Amino acid sequence: ALRRLVGSPDITRNQLEHLNTLGTQPHITVQV
């Protein structure tokens, strides 16, 4: 899901940055 390009590279980059931001929150855990 992280490697699949859906939409443009800019959209994918924004989505990954959003996940990264969420993962810095103390009440959110992101694992791969």
PDB file of all heavy atoms in Angstrom:
ATOM      1  N   ALA A   1       0.828  -1.209   0.000  1.00  0.00           N
ATOM      2  CA  ALA A   1       0.000   0.000   0.000  1.00  0.00           C
ATOM      3  C   ALA A   1       0.860   1.256   0.000  1.00  0.00           C
ATOM      4  O   ALA A   1       0.469   2.293  -0.538  1.00  0.00           O
ATOM      5  CB  ALA A   1      -0.927   0.010   1.210  1.00  0.00           C
ATOM      6  N   LEU A   2       2.049   1.163   0.577  1.00  0.00           N
ATOM      7  CA  LEU A   2       2.948   2.317   0.598  1.00  0.00           C
ATOM      8  C   LEU A   2       3.710   2.476  -0.709  1.00  0.00           C
ATOM      9  O   LEU A   2       4.132   3.563  -1.067  1.00  0.00           O
ATOM     10  CB  LEU A   2       3.949   2.181   1.747  1.00  0.00           C
ATOM     11  CG  LEU A   2       3.343   2.137   3.144  1.00  0.00           C
ATOM     12  CD1 LEU A   2       4.439   1.914   4.169  1.00  0.00           C
ATOM     13  CD2 LEU A   2       2.571   3.406   3.439  1.00  0.00           C
ATOM     14  N   ARG A   3       3.910   1.389  -1.404  1.00  0.00           N
ATOM     15  CA  ARG A   3       4.703   1.411  -2.632  1.00  0.00           C
ATOM     16  C   ARG A   3       3.870   1.643  -3.895  1.00  0.00           C
ATOM     17  O   ARG A   3       4.405   2.022  -4.921  1.00  0.00           O
ATOM     18  CB  ARG A   3       5.478   0.103  -2.768  1.00  0.00           C
ATOM     19  CG  ARG A   3       6.506  -0.070  -1.675  1.00  0.00           C
ATOM     20  CD  ARG A   3       7.303  -1.334  -1.889  1.00  0.00           C
ATOM     21  NE  ARG A   3       8.320  -1.494  -0.887  1.00  0.00           N
ATOM     22  CZ  ARG A   3       9.531  -0.942  -0.934  1.00  0.00           C
ATOM     23  NH1 ARG A   3       9.859  -0.179  -1.940  1.00  0.00           N
ATOM     24  NH2 ARG A   3      10.398  -1.148   0.031  1.00  0.00           N
ATOM     25  N   ARG A   4       2.561   1.406  -3.824  1.00  0.00           N
ATOM     26  CA  ARG A   4       1.703   1.529  -5.000  1.00  0.00           C
ATOM     27  C   ARG A   4       1.426   2.999  -5.295  1.00  0.00           C
ATOM     28  O   ARG A   4       0.973   3.748  -4.444  1.00  0.00           O
ATOM     29  CB  ARG A   4       0.390   0.781  -4.775  1.00  0.00           C
ATOM     30  CG  ARG A   4      -0.520   0.780  -5.992  1.00  0.00           C
ATOM     31  CD  ARG A   4      -1.735  -0.099  -5.807  1.00  0.00           C
ATOM     32  NE  ARG A   4      -1.308  -1.488  -5.683  1.00  0.00           N
ATOM     33  CZ  ARG A   4      -1.439  -2.204  -4.557  1.00  0.00           C
ATOM     34  NH1 ARG A   4      -1.970  -1.676  -3.489  1.00  0.00           N
ATOM     35  NH2 ARG A   4      -1.033  -3.452  -4.517  1.00  0.00           N
ATOM     36  N   LEU A   5       1.671   3.403  -6.522  1.00  0.00           N
ATOM     37  CA  LEU A   5       1.404   4.777  -6.937  1.00  0.00           C
ATOM     38  C   LEU A   5      -0.054   4.878  -7.374  1.00  0.00           C
ATOM     39  O   LEU A   5      -0.485   4.201  -8.310  1.00  0.00           O
ATOM     40  CB  LEU A   5       2.328   5.175  -8.093  1.00  0.00           C
ATOM     41  CG  LEU A   5       2.188   6.601  -8.604  1.00  0.00           C
ATOM     42  CD1 LEU A   5       2.612   7.593  -7.509  1.00  0.00           C
ATOM     43  CD2 LEU A   5       3.035   6.803  -9.838  1.00  0.00           C
ATOM     44  N   VAL A   6      -0.818   5.671  -6.656  1.00  0.00           N
ATOM     45  CA  VAL A   6      -2.209   5.936  -7.004  1.00  0.00           C
ATOM     46  C   VAL A   6      -2.317   7.439  -7.183  1.00  0.00           C
ATOM     47  O   VAL A   6      -2.075   8.196  -6.246  1.00  0.00           O
ATOM     48  CB  VAL A   6      -3.180   5.436  -5.908  1.00  0.00           C
ATOM     49  CG1 VAL A   6      -4.618   5.786  -6.267  1.00  0.00           C
ATOM     50  CG2 VAL A   6      -3.025   3.939  -5.703  1.00  0.00           C
ATOM     51  N   GLY A   7      -2.660   7.865  -8.372  1.00  0.00           N
ATOM     52  CA  GLY A   7      -2.651   9.292  -8.656  1.00  0.00           C
ATOM     53  C   GLY A   7      -1.243   9.717  -9.047  1.00  0.00           C
ATOM     54  O   GLY A   7      -0.430   8.924  -9.512  1.00  0.00           O
ATOM     55  N   SER A   8      -0.932  10.947  -8.804  1.00  0.00           N
ATOM     56  CA  SER A   8       0.374  11.479  -9.181  1.00  0.00           C
ATOM     57  C   SER A   8       1.403  11.238  -8.075  1.00  0.00           C
ATOM     58  O   SER A   8       1.041  10.971  -6.930  1.00  0.00           O
ATOM     59  CB  SER A   8       0.254  12.983  -9.436  1.00  0.00           C
ATOM     60  OG  SER A   8       0.039  13.661  -8.213  1.00  0.00           O
ATOM     61  N   PRO A   9       2.684  11.370  -8.413  1.00  0.00           N
ATOM     62  CA  PRO A   9       3.712  11.269  -7.370  1.00  0.00           C
ATOM     63  C   PRO A   9       3.515  12.310  -6.255  1.00  0.00           C
ATOM     64  O   PRO A   9       3.797  12.030  -5.094  1.00  0.00           O
ATOM     65  CB  PRO A   9       5.023  11.506  -8.132  1.00  0.00           C
ATOM     66  CG  PRO A   9       4.728  11.046  -9.525  1.00  0.00           C
ATOM     67  CD  PRO A   9       3.281  11.436  -9.751  1.00  0.00           C
ATOM     68  N   ASP A  10       3.006  13.489  -6.601  1.00  0.00           N
ATOM     69  CA  ASP A  10       2.752  14.519  -5.582  1.00  0.00           C
ATOM     70  C   ASP A  10       1.672  14.069  -4.598  1.00  0.00           C
ATOM     71  O   ASP A  10       1.794  14.280  -3.392  1.00  0.00           O
ATOM     72  CB  ASP A  10       2.321  15.839  -6.227  1.00  0.00           C
ATOM     73  CG  ASP A  10       3.475  16.566  -6.892  1.00  0.00           C
ATOM     74  OD1 ASP A  10       4.644  16.281  -6.562  1.00  0.00           O
ATOM     75  OD2 ASP A  10       3.198  17.420  -7.753  1.00  0.00           O
ATOM     76  N   ILE A  11       0.615  13.454  -5.114  1.00  0.00           N
ATOM     77  CA  ILE A  11      -0.466  12.966  -4.239  1.00  0.00           C
ATOM     78  C   ILE A  11       0.076  11.889  -3.320  1.00  0.00           C
ATOM     79  O   ILE A  11      -0.178  11.888  -2.108  1.00  0.00           O
ATOM     80  CB  ILE A  11      -1.648  12.436  -5.076  1.00  0.00           C
ATOM     81  CG1 ILE A  11      -2.364  13.599  -5.762  1.00  0.00           C
ATOM     82  CG2 ILE A  11      -2.623  11.638  -4.208  1.00  0.00           C
ATOM     83  CD1 ILE A  11      -3.416  13.178  -6.765  1.00  0.00           C
ATOM     84  N   THR A  12       0.844  10.962  -3.878  1.00  0.00           N
ATOM     85  CA  THR A  12       1.420   9.880  -3.072  1.00  0.00           C
ATOM     86  C   THR A  12       2.339  10.443  -1.999  1.00  0.00           C
ATOM     87  O   THR A  12       2.278  10.028  -0.839  1.00  0.00           O
ATOM     88  CB  THR A  12       2.175   8.886  -3.972  1.00  0.00           C
ATOM     89  OG1 THR A  12       1.250   8.335  -4.914  1.00  0.00           O
ATOM     90  CG2 THR A  12       2.796   7.764  -3.155  1.00  0.00           C
ATOM     91  N   ARG A  13       3.183  11.398  -2.362  1.00  0.00           N
ATOM     92  CA  ARG A  13       4.086  12.019  -1.390  1.00  0.00           C
ATOM     93  C   ARG A  13       3.294  12.692  -0.271  1.00  0.00           C
ATOM     94  O   ARG A  13       3.612  12.539   0.914  1.00  0.00           O
ATOM     95  CB  ARG A  13       5.026  13.029  -2.063  1.00  0.00           C
ATOM     96  CG  ARG A  13       6.030  13.631  -1.085  1.00  0.00           C
ATOM     97  CD  ARG A  13       7.008  14.633  -1.709  1.00  0.00           C
ATOM     98  NE  ARG A  13       6.336  15.680  -2.443  1.00  0.00           N
ATOM     99  CZ  ARG A  13       6.312  15.765  -3.773  1.00  0.00           C
ATOM    100  NH1 ARG A  13       6.910  14.863  -4.516  1.00  0.00           N
ATOM    101  NH2 ARG A  13       5.680  16.759  -4.374  1.00  0.00           N
ATOM    102  N   ASN A  14       2.236  13.407  -0.619  1.00  0.00           N
ATOM    103  CA  ASN A  14       1.408  14.067   0.400  1.00  0.00           C
ATOM    104  C   ASN A  14       0.765  13.051   1.338  1.00  0.00           C
ATOM    105  O   ASN A  14       0.684  13.277   2.552  1.00  0.00           O
ATOM    106  CB  ASN A  14       0.329  14.935  -0.263  1.00  0.00           C
ATOM    107  CG  ASN A  14       0.903  16.168  -0.914  1.00  0.00           C
ATOM    108  OD1 ASN A  14       2.009  16.595  -0.608  1.00  0.00           O
ATOM    109  ND2 ASN A  14       0.159  16.729  -1.859  1.00  0.00           N
ATOM    110  N   GLN A  15       0.304  11.926   0.786  1.00  0.00           N
ATOM    111  CA  GLN A  15      -0.306  10.895   1.623  1.00  0.00           C
ATOM    112  C   GLN A  15       0.721  10.291   2.582  1.00  0.00           C
ATOM    113  O   GLN A  15       0.435  10.076   3.764  1.00  0.00           O
ATOM    114  CB  GLN A  15      -0.921   9.804   0.752  1.00  0.00           C
ATOM    115  CG  GLN A  15      -2.162  10.258   0.030  1.00  0.00           C
ATOM    116  CD  GLN A  15      -2.681   9.214  -0.945  1.00  0.00           C
ATOM    117  OE1 GLN A  15      -1.952   8.353  -1.408  1.00  0.00           O
ATOM    118  NE2 GLN A  15      -3.964   9.308  -1.259  1.00  0.00           N
ATOM    119  N   LEU A  16       1.920  10.021   2.076  1.00  0.00           N
ATOM    120  CA  LEU A  16       2.964   9.460   2.934  1.00  0.00           C
ATOM    121  C   LEU A  16       3.399  10.458   4.007  1.00  0.00           C
ATOM    122  O   LEU A  16       3.637  10.070   5.153  1.00  0.00           O
ATOM    123  CB  LEU A  16       4.167   9.023   2.085  1.00  0.00           C
ATOM    124  CG  LEU A  16       3.905   7.830   1.168  1.00  0.00           C
ATOM    125  CD1 LEU A  16       5.113   7.592   0.261  1.00  0.00           C
ATOM    126  CD2 LEU A  16       3.548   6.588   1.944  1.00  0.00           C
ATOM    127  N   GLU A  17       3.476  11.726   3.654  1.00  0.00           N
ATOM    128  CA  GLU A  17       3.814  12.744   4.650  1.00  0.00           C
ATOM    129  C   GLU A  17       2.732  12.838   5.715  1.00  0.00           C
ATOM    130  O   GLU A  17       3.031  13.018   6.893  1.00  0.00           O
ATOM    131  CB  GLU A  17       4.032  14.096   3.967  1.00  0.00           C
ATOM    132  CG  GLU A  17       5.326  14.169   3.178  1.00  0.00           C
ATOM    133  CD  GLU A  17       5.472  15.443   2.358  1.00  0.00           C
ATOM    134  OE1 GLU A  17       4.517  16.262   2.311  1.00  0.00           O
ATOM    135  OE2 GLU A  17       6.550  15.612   1.759  1.00  0.00           O
ATOM    136  N   HIS A  18       1.477  12.708   5.304  1.00  0.00           N
ATOM    137  CA  HIS A  18       0.366  12.739   6.265  1.00  0.00           C
ATOM    138  C   HIS A  18       0.459  11.556   7.234  1.00  0.00           C
ATOM    139  O   HIS A  18       0.299  11.726   8.446  1.00  0.00           O
ATOM    140  CB  HIS A  18      -0.972  12.736   5.521  1.00  0.00           C
ATOM    141  CG  HIS A  18      -2.163  12.769   6.415  1.00  0.00           C
ATOM    142  ND1 HIS A  18      -2.474  13.855   7.216  1.00  0.00           N
ATOM    143  CD2 HIS A  18      -3.122  11.839   6.657  1.00  0.00           C
ATOM    144  CE1 HIS A  18      -3.569  13.594   7.910  1.00  0.00           C
ATOM    145  NE2 HIS A  18      -3.975  12.378   7.583  1.00  0.00           N
ATOM    146  N   LEU A  19       0.730  10.363   6.702  1.00  0.00           N
ATOM    147  CA  LEU A  19       0.908   9.191   7.573  1.00  0.00           C
ATOM    148  C   LEU A  19       2.063   9.401   8.543  1.00  0.00           C
ATOM    149  O   LEU A  19       1.973   9.053   9.715  1.00  0.00           O
ATOM    150  CB  LEU A  19       1.181   7.942   6.736  1.00  0.00           C
ATOM    151  CG  LEU A  19      -0.014   7.215   6.184  1.00  0.00           C
ATOM    152  CD1 LEU A  19       0.444   6.105   5.244  1.00  0.00           C
ATOM    153  CD2 LEU A  19      -0.869   6.647   7.303  1.00  0.00           C
ATOM    154  N   ASN A  20       3.146   9.956   8.054  1.00  0.00           N
ATOM    155  CA  ASN A  20       4.299  10.225   8.910  1.00  0.00           C
ATOM    156  C   ASN A  20       3.936  11.204  10.020  1.00  0.00           C
ATOM    157  O   ASN A  20       4.299  11.005  11.182  1.00  0.00           O
ATOM    158  CB  ASN A  20       5.459  10.752   8.074  1.00  0.00           C
ATOM    159  CG  ASN A  20       6.730  10.859   8.871  1.00  0.00           C
ATOM    160  OD1 ASN A  20       7.135   9.920   9.532  1.00  0.00           O
ATOM    161  ND2 ASN A  20       7.361  12.018   8.812  1.00  0.00           N
ATOM    162  N   THR A  21       3.192  12.241   9.688  1.00  0.00           N
ATOM    163  CA  THR A  21       2.755  13.217  10.690  1.00  0.00           C
ATOM    164  C   THR A  21       1.841  12.559  11.720  1.00  0.00           C
ATOM    165  O   THR A  21       1.994  12.777  12.926  1.00  0.00           O
ATOM    166  CB  THR A  21       2.032  14.404  10.014  1.00  0.00           C
ATOM    167  OG1 THR A  21       2.941  15.030   9.111  1.00  0.00           O
ATOM    168  CG2 THR A  21       1.549  15.411  11.037  1.00  0.00           C
ATOM    169  N   LEU A  22       0.897  11.746  11.247  1.00  0.00           N
ATOM    170  CA  LEU A  22       0.011  11.051  12.184  1.00  0.00           C
ATOM    171  C   LEU A  22       0.815  10.173  13.136  1.00  0.00           C
ATOM    172  O   LEU A  22       0.536  10.110  14.330  1.00  0.00           O
ATOM    173  CB  LEU A  22      -1.001  10.181  11.430  1.00  0.00           C
ATOM    174  CG  LEU A  22      -2.137  10.892  10.718  1.00  0.00           C
ATOM    175  CD1 LEU A  22      -2.973   9.886   9.935  1.00  0.00           C
ATOM    176  CD2 LEU A  22      -3.010  11.667  11.693  1.00  0.00           C
ATOM    177  N   GLY A  23       1.826   9.497  12.605  1.00  0.00           N
ATOM    178  CA  GLY A  23       2.624   8.582  13.411  1.00  0.00           C
ATOM    179  C   GLY A  23       3.433   9.255  14.500  1.00  0.00           C
ATOM    180  O   GLY A  23       3.919   8.582  15.412  1.00  0.00           O
ATOM    181  N   THR A  24       3.571  10.565  14.449  1.00  0.00           N
ATOM    182  CA  THR A  24       4.297  11.279  15.507  1.00  0.00           C
ATOM    183  C   THR A  24       3.406  11.620  16.689  1.00  0.00           C
ATOM    184  O   THR A  24       3.903  12.041  17.730  1.00  0.00           O
ATOM    185  CB  THR A  24       4.924  12.588  14.970  1.00  0.00           C
ATOM    186  OG1 THR A  24       3.875  13.481  14.570  1.00  0.00           O
ATOM    187  CG2 THR A  24       5.870  12.318  13.804  1.00  0.00           C
ATOM    188  N   GLN A  25       2.101  11.428  16.543  1.00  0.00           N
ATOM    189  CA  GLN A  25       1.163  11.732  17.620  1.00  0.00           C
ATOM    190  C   GLN A  25       1.228  10.630  18.680  1.00  0.00           C
ATOM    191  O   GLN A  25       1.319   9.453  18.342  1.00  0.00           O
ATOM    192  CB  GLN A  25      -0.264  11.835  17.078  1.00  0.00           C
ATOM    193  CG  GLN A  25      -0.440  12.865  15.989  1.00  0.00           C
ATOM    194  CD  GLN A  25      -0.123  14.261  16.478  1.00  0.00           C
ATOM    195  OE1 GLN A  25      -0.616  14.700  17.508  1.00  0.00           O
ATOM    196  NE2 GLN A  25       0.716  14.968  15.741  1.00  0.00           N
ATOM    197  N   PRO A  26       1.180  10.979  19.964  1.00  0.00           N
ATOM    198  CA  PRO A  26       1.326   9.966  21.018  1.00  0.00           C
ATOM    199  C   PRO A  26       0.190   8.946  21.066  1.00  0.00           C
ATOM    200  O   PRO A  26       0.379   7.842  21.568  1.00  0.00           O
ATOM    201  CB  PRO A  26       1.376  10.788  22.304  1.00  0.00           C
ATOM    202  CG  PRO A  26       0.749  12.097  21.959  1.00  0.00           C
ATOM    203  CD  PRO A  26       1.006  12.329  20.503  1.00  0.00           C
ATOM    204  N   HIS A  27      -0.966   9.272  20.525  1.00  0.00           N
ATOM    205  CA  HIS A  27      -2.108   8.362  20.576  1.00  0.00           C
ATOM    206  C   HIS A  27      -2.301   7.576  19.272  1.00  0.00           C
ATOM    207  O   HIS A  27      -3.288   6.884  19.094  1.00  0.00           O
ATOM    208  CB  HIS A  27      -3.386   9.134  20.928  1.00  0.00           C
ATOM    209  CG  HIS A  27      -3.716  10.226  19.958  1.00  0.00           C
ATOM    210  ND1 HIS A  27      -3.036  11.421  19.927  1.00  0.00           N
ATOM    211  CD2 HIS A  27      -4.624  10.290  18.973  1.00  0.00           C
ATOM    212  CE1 HIS A  27      -3.521  12.179  18.968  1.00  0.00           C
ATOM    213  NE2 HIS A  27      -4.487  11.513  18.367  1.00  0.00           N
ATOM    214  N   ILE A  28      -1.319   7.693  18.362  1.00  0.00           N
ATOM    215  CA  ILE A  28      -1.415   7.010  17.074  1.00  0.00           C
ATOM    216  C   ILE A  28      -0.156   6.178  16.842  1.00  0.00           C
ATOM    217  O   ILE A  28       0.961   6.657  17.015  1.00  0.00           O
ATOM    218  CB  ILE A  28      -1.600   8.013  15.912  1.00  0.00           C
ATOM    219  CG1 ILE A  28      -2.898   8.800  16.114  1.00  0.00           C
ATOM    220  CG2 ILE A  28      -1.590   7.290  14.566  1.00  0.00           C
ATOM    221  CD1 ILE A  28      -3.118   9.907  15.100  1.00  0.00           C
ATOM    222  N   THR A  29      -0.347   4.923  16.455  1.00  0.00           N
ATOM    223  CA  THR A  29       0.760   4.029  16.115  1.00  0.00           C
ATOM    224  C   THR A  29       0.598   3.620  14.660  1.00  0.00           C
ATOM    225  O   THR A  29      -0.485   3.196  14.255  1.00  0.00           O
ATOM    226  CB  THR A  29       0.729   2.765  17.002  1.00  0.00           C
ATOM    227  OG1 THR A  29       0.801   3.154  18.365  1.00  0.00           O
ATOM    228  CG2 THR A  29       1.891   1.837  16.674  1.00  0.00           C
ATOM    229  N   VAL A  30       1.667   3.764  13.886  1.00  0.00           N
ATOM    230  CA  VAL A  30       1.666   3.334  12.490  1.00  0.00           C
ATOM    231  C   VAL A  30       2.738   2.271  12.332  1.00  0.00           C
ATOM    232  O   VAL A  30       3.892   2.492  12.691  1.00  0.00           O
ATOM    233  CB  VAL A  30       1.937   4.511  11.524  1.00  0.00           C
ATOM    234  CG1 VAL A  30       1.974   4.019  10.079  1.00  0.00           C
ATOM    235  CG2 VAL A  30       0.891   5.609  11.689  1.00  0.00           C
ATOM    236  N   GLN A  31       2.346   1.102  11.835  1.00  0.00           N
ATOM    237  CA  GLN A  31       3.285   0.022  11.574  1.00  0.00           C
ATOM    238  C   GLN A  31       3.121  -0.453  10.140  1.00  0.00           C
ATOM    239  O   GLN A  31       2.053  -0.312   9.547  1.00  0.00           O
ATOM    240  CB  GLN A  31       3.036  -1.154  12.517  1.00  0.00           C
ATOM    241  CG  GLN A  31       3.427  -0.880  13.948  1.00  0.00           C
ATOM    242  CD  GLN A  31       3.180  -2.092  14.814  1.00  0.00           C
ATOM    243  OE1 GLN A  31       2.094  -2.256  15.338  1.00  0.00           O
ATOM    244  NE2 GLN A  31       4.186  -2.935  14.946  1.00  0.00           N
ATOM    245  N   VAL A  32       4.193  -1.028   9.604  1.00  0.00           N
ATOM    246  CA  VAL A  32       4.177  -1.555   8.244  1.00  0.00           C
ATOM    247  C   VAL A  32       4.361  -3.063   8.304  1.00  0.00           C
ATOM    248  O   VAL A  32       5.287  -3.556   8.945  1.00  0.00           O
ATOM    249  CB  VAL A  32       5.293  -0.908   7.394  1.00  0.00           C
ATOM    250  CG1 VAL A  32       5.329  -1.524   6.004  1.00  0.00           C
ATOM    251  CG2 VAL A  32       5.109   0.601   7.324  1.00  0.00           C
TER     252      VAL A  32
END
